[in-house]
Amino acid sequence: MADRASRRMRKARHMRTLCCILKLNLMLRQESIHEASVNFS
């Protein structure tokens, strides 16, 4: 029972980490696109 709970917690933490990484990637991509558009114009 505790093993299953810990596994679920680990999965939740993993998902949260993935969300953080995806958000950072999106922010970096938007910033780079913004800089590219500014440099282009």
PDB file of N, CA and C in Angstrom:
ATOM      1  N   MET A   1       0.841  -1.197   0.000  1.00  0.00           N
ATOM      2  CA  MET A   1       0.000   0.000   0.000  1.00  0.00           C
ATOM      3  C   MET A   1       0.878   1.250   0.000  1.00  0.00           C
ATOM      4  N   ALA A   2       1.815   1.306   0.930  1.00  0.00           N
ATOM      5  CA  ALA A   2       2.701   2.470   0.990  1.00  0.00           C
ATOM      6  C   ALA A   2       3.557   2.526  -0.277  1.00  0.00           C
ATOM      7  N   ASP A   3       3.921   1.341  -0.805  1.00  0.00           N
ATOM      8  CA  ASP A   3       4.745   1.308  -2.010  1.00  0.00           C
ATOM      9  C   ASP A   3       3.979   1.942  -3.172  1.00  0.00           C
ATOM     10  N   ARG A   4       2.689   1.613  -3.265  1.00  0.00           N
ATOM     11  CA  ARG A   4       1.896   2.158  -4.359  1.00  0.00           C
ATOM     12  C   ARG A   4       1.765   3.680  -4.202  1.00  0.00           C
ATOM     13  N   ALA A   5       1.571   4.143  -2.962  1.00  0.00           N
ATOM     14  CA  ALA A   5       1.437   5.579  -2.711  1.00  0.00           C
ATOM     15  C   ALA A   5       2.740   6.298  -3.084  1.00  0.00           C
ATOM     16  N   SER A   6       3.860   5.724  -2.677  1.00  0.00           N
ATOM     17  CA  SER A   6       5.140   6.373  -2.979  1.00  0.00           C
ATOM     18  C   SER A   6       5.356   6.402  -4.489  1.00  0.00           C
ATOM     19  N   ARG A   7       4.908   5.321  -5.168  1.00  0.00           N
ATOM     20  CA  ARG A   7       5.085   5.294  -6.615  1.00  0.00           C
ATOM     21  C   ARG A   7       4.233   6.402  -7.262  1.00  0.00           C
ATOM     22  N   ARG A   8       3.016   6.566  -6.733  1.00  0.00           N
ATOM     23  CA  ARG A   8       2.150   7.613  -7.289  1.00  0.00           C
ATOM     24  C   ARG A   8       2.763   8.994  -7.040  1.00  0.00           C
ATOM     25  N   MET A   9       3.342   9.185  -5.841  1.00  0.00           N
ATOM     26  CA  MET A   9       3.971  10.471  -5.532  1.00  0.00           C
ATOM     27  C   MET A   9       5.139  10.718  -6.483  1.00  0.00           C
ATOM     28  N   ARG A  10       5.922   9.660  -6.729  1.00  0.00           N
ATOM     29  CA  ARG A  10       7.075   9.810  -7.617  1.00  0.00           C
ATOM     30  C   ARG A  10       6.596  10.191  -9.015  1.00  0.00           C
ATOM     31  N   LYS A  11       5.502   9.545  -9.471  1.00  0.00           N
ATOM     32  CA  LYS A  11       4.988   9.841 -10.800  1.00  0.00           C
ATOM     33  C   LYS A  11       4.492  11.282 -10.860  1.00  0.00           C
ATOM     34  N   ALA A  12       3.803  11.724  -9.798  1.00  0.00           N
ATOM     35  CA  ALA A  12       3.293  13.101  -9.760  1.00  0.00           C
ATOM     36  C   ALA A  12       4.457  14.085  -9.809  1.00  0.00           C
ATOM     37  N   ARG A  13       5.504  13.785  -9.053  1.00  0.00           N
ATOM     38  CA  ARG A  13       6.662  14.685  -9.049  1.00  0.00           C
ATOM     39  C   ARG A  13       7.297  14.705 -10.436  1.00  0.00           C
ATOM     40  N   HIS A  14       7.361  13.525 -11.077  1.00  0.00           N
ATOM     41  CA  HIS A  14       7.945  13.442 -12.409  1.00  0.00           C
ATOM     42  C   HIS A  14       7.119  14.273 -13.391  1.00  0.00           C
ATOM     43  N   MET A  15       5.789  14.181 -13.289  1.00  0.00           N
ATOM     44  CA  MET A  15       4.925  14.945 -14.177  1.00  0.00           C
ATOM     45  C   MET A  15       5.116  16.437 -13.937  1.00  0.00           C
ATOM     46  N   ARG A  16       5.234  16.821 -12.666  1.00  0.00           N
ATOM     47  CA  ARG A  16       5.420  18.240 -12.365  1.00  0.00           C
ATOM     48  C   ARG A  16       6.739  18.732 -12.964  1.00  0.00           C
ATOM     49  N   THR A  17       7.785  17.899 -12.850  1.00  0.00           N
ATOM     50  CA  THR A  17       9.074  18.287 -13.408  1.00  0.00           C
ATOM     51  C   THR A  17       8.973  18.431 -14.920  1.00  0.00           C
ATOM     52  N   LEU A  18       8.241  17.494 -15.557  1.00  0.00           N
ATOM     53  CA  LEU A  18       8.071  17.575 -17.001  1.00  0.00           C
ATOM     54  C   LEU A  18       7.339  18.855 -17.376  1.00  0.00           C
ATOM     55  N   CYS A  19       6.313  19.193 -16.598  1.00  0.00           N
ATOM     56  CA  CYS A  19       5.557  20.432 -16.873  1.00  0.00           C
ATOM     57  C   CYS A  19       6.483  21.634 -16.772  1.00  0.00           C
ATOM     58  N   CYS A  20       7.326  21.658 -15.748  1.00  0.00           N
ATOM     59  CA  CYS A  20       8.252  22.789 -15.573  1.00  0.00           C
ATOM     60  C   CYS A  20       9.198  22.875 -16.763  1.00  0.00           C
ATOM     61  N   ILE A  21       9.723  21.734 -17.193  1.00  0.00           N
ATOM     62  CA  ILE A  21      10.662  21.726 -18.318  1.00  0.00           C
ATOM     63  C   ILE A  21       9.962  22.191 -19.586  1.00  0.00           C
ATOM     64  N   LEU A  22       8.725  21.712 -19.801  1.00  0.00           N
ATOM     65  CA  LEU A  22       7.990  22.119 -20.999  1.00  0.00           C
ATOM     66  C   LEU A  22       7.719  23.615 -20.975  1.00  0.00           C
ATOM     67  N   LYS A  23       7.347  24.135 -19.797  1.00  0.00           N
ATOM     68  CA  LYS A  23       7.071  25.576 -19.694  1.00  0.00           C
ATOM     69  C   LYS A  23       8.339  26.370 -19.993  1.00  0.00           C
ATOM     70  N   LEU A  24       9.473  25.919 -19.449  1.00  0.00           N
ATOM     71  CA  LEU A  24      10.729  26.632 -19.698  1.00  0.00           C
ATOM     72  C   LEU A  24      11.076  26.596 -21.185  1.00  0.00           C
ATOM     73  N   ASN A  25      10.868  25.427 -21.823  1.00  0.00           N
ATOM     74  CA  ASN A  25      11.159  25.323 -23.250  1.00  0.00           C
ATOM     75  C   ASN A  25      10.279  26.268 -24.047  1.00  0.00           C
ATOM     76  N   LEU A  26       8.994  26.335 -23.686  1.00  0.00           N
ATOM     77  CA  LEU A  26       8.076  27.241 -24.392  1.00  0.00           C
ATOM     78  C   LEU A  26       8.516  28.681 -24.222  1.00  0.00           C
ATOM     79  N   MET A  27       8.871  29.065 -22.995  1.00  0.00           N
ATOM     80  CA  MET A  27       9.300  30.439 -22.743  1.00  0.00           C
ATOM     81  C   MET A  27      10.565  30.757 -23.542  1.00  0.00           C
ATOM     82  N   LEU A  28      11.526  29.830 -23.534  1.00  0.00           N
ATOM     83  CA  LEU A  28      12.771  30.074 -24.261  1.00  0.00           C
ATOM     84  C   LEU A  28      12.494  30.188 -25.754  1.00  0.00           C
ATOM     85  N   ARG A  29      11.606  29.312 -26.273  1.00  0.00           N
ATOM     86  CA  ARG A  29      11.307  29.340 -27.699  1.00  0.00           C
ATOM     87  C   ARG A  29      10.617  30.658 -28.062  1.00  0.00           C
ATOM     88  N   GLN A  30       9.679  31.112 -27.221  1.00  0.00           N
ATOM     89  CA  GLN A  30       8.989  32.369 -27.498  1.00  0.00           C
ATOM     90  C   GLN A  30       9.979  33.529 -27.465  1.00  0.00           C
ATOM     91  N   GLU A  31      10.894  33.506 -26.494  1.00  0.00           N
ATOM     92  CA  GLU A  31      11.888  34.588 -26.414  1.00  0.00           C
ATOM     93  C   GLU A  31      12.782  34.584 -27.645  1.00  0.00           C
ATOM     94  N   SER A  32      13.226  33.411 -28.073  1.00  0.00           N
ATOM     95  CA  SER A  32      14.103  33.343 -29.235  1.00  0.00           C
ATOM     96  C   SER A  32      13.348  33.791 -30.487  1.00  0.00           C
ATOM     97  N   ILE A  33      12.062  33.409 -30.602  1.00  0.00           N
ATOM     98  CA  ILE A  33      11.261  33.836 -31.747  1.00  0.00           C
ATOM     99  C   ILE A  33      11.100  35.357 -31.703  1.00  0.00           C
ATOM    100  N   HIS A  34      10.873  35.896 -30.517  1.00  0.00           N
ATOM    101  CA  HIS A  34      10.716  37.347 -30.369  1.00  0.00           C
ATOM    102  C   HIS A  34      12.009  38.052 -30.788  1.00  0.00           C
ATOM    103  N   GLU A  35      13.131  37.541 -30.328  1.00  0.00           N
ATOM    104  CA  GLU A  35      14.416  38.160 -30.692  1.00  0.00           C
ATOM    105  C   GLU A  35      14.656  38.045 -32.191  1.00  0.00           C
ATOM    106  N   ALA A  36      14.307  36.889 -32.765  1.00  0.00           N
ATOM    107  CA  ALA A  36      14.506  36.700 -34.202  1.00  0.00           C
ATOM    108  C   ALA A  36      13.633  37.671 -34.987  1.00  0.00           C
ATOM    109  N   SER A  37      12.382  37.846 -34.570  1.00  0.00           N
ATOM    110  CA  SER A  37      11.491  38.766 -35.279  1.00  0.00           C
ATOM    111  C   SER A  37      11.999  40.198 -35.133  1.00  0.00           C
ATOM    112  N   VAL A  38      12.504  40.539 -33.944  1.00  0.00           N
ATOM    113  CA  VAL A  38      13.027  41.892 -33.739  1.00  0.00           C
ATOM    114  C   VAL A  38      14.259  42.100 -34.623  1.00  0.00           C
ATOM    115  N   ASN A  39      15.127  41.106 -34.670  1.00  0.00           N
ATOM    116  CA  ASN A  39      16.324  41.237 -35.505  1.00  0.00           C
ATOM    117  C   ASN A  39      15.945  41.275 -36.987  1.00  0.00           C
ATOM    118  N   PHE A  40      14.883  40.538 -37.335  1.00  0.00           N
ATOM    119  CA  PHE A  40      14.470  40.488 -38.739  1.00  0.00           C
ATOM    120  C   PHE A  40      13.928  41.846 -39.172  1.00  0.00           C
ATOM    121  N   SER A  41      13.163  42.483 -38.302  1.00  0.00           N
ATOM    122  CA  SER A  41      12.587  43.785 -38.632  1.00  0.00           C
ATOM    123  C   SER A  41      13.591  44.883 -38.282  1.00  0.00           C
TER     124      SER A  41
END
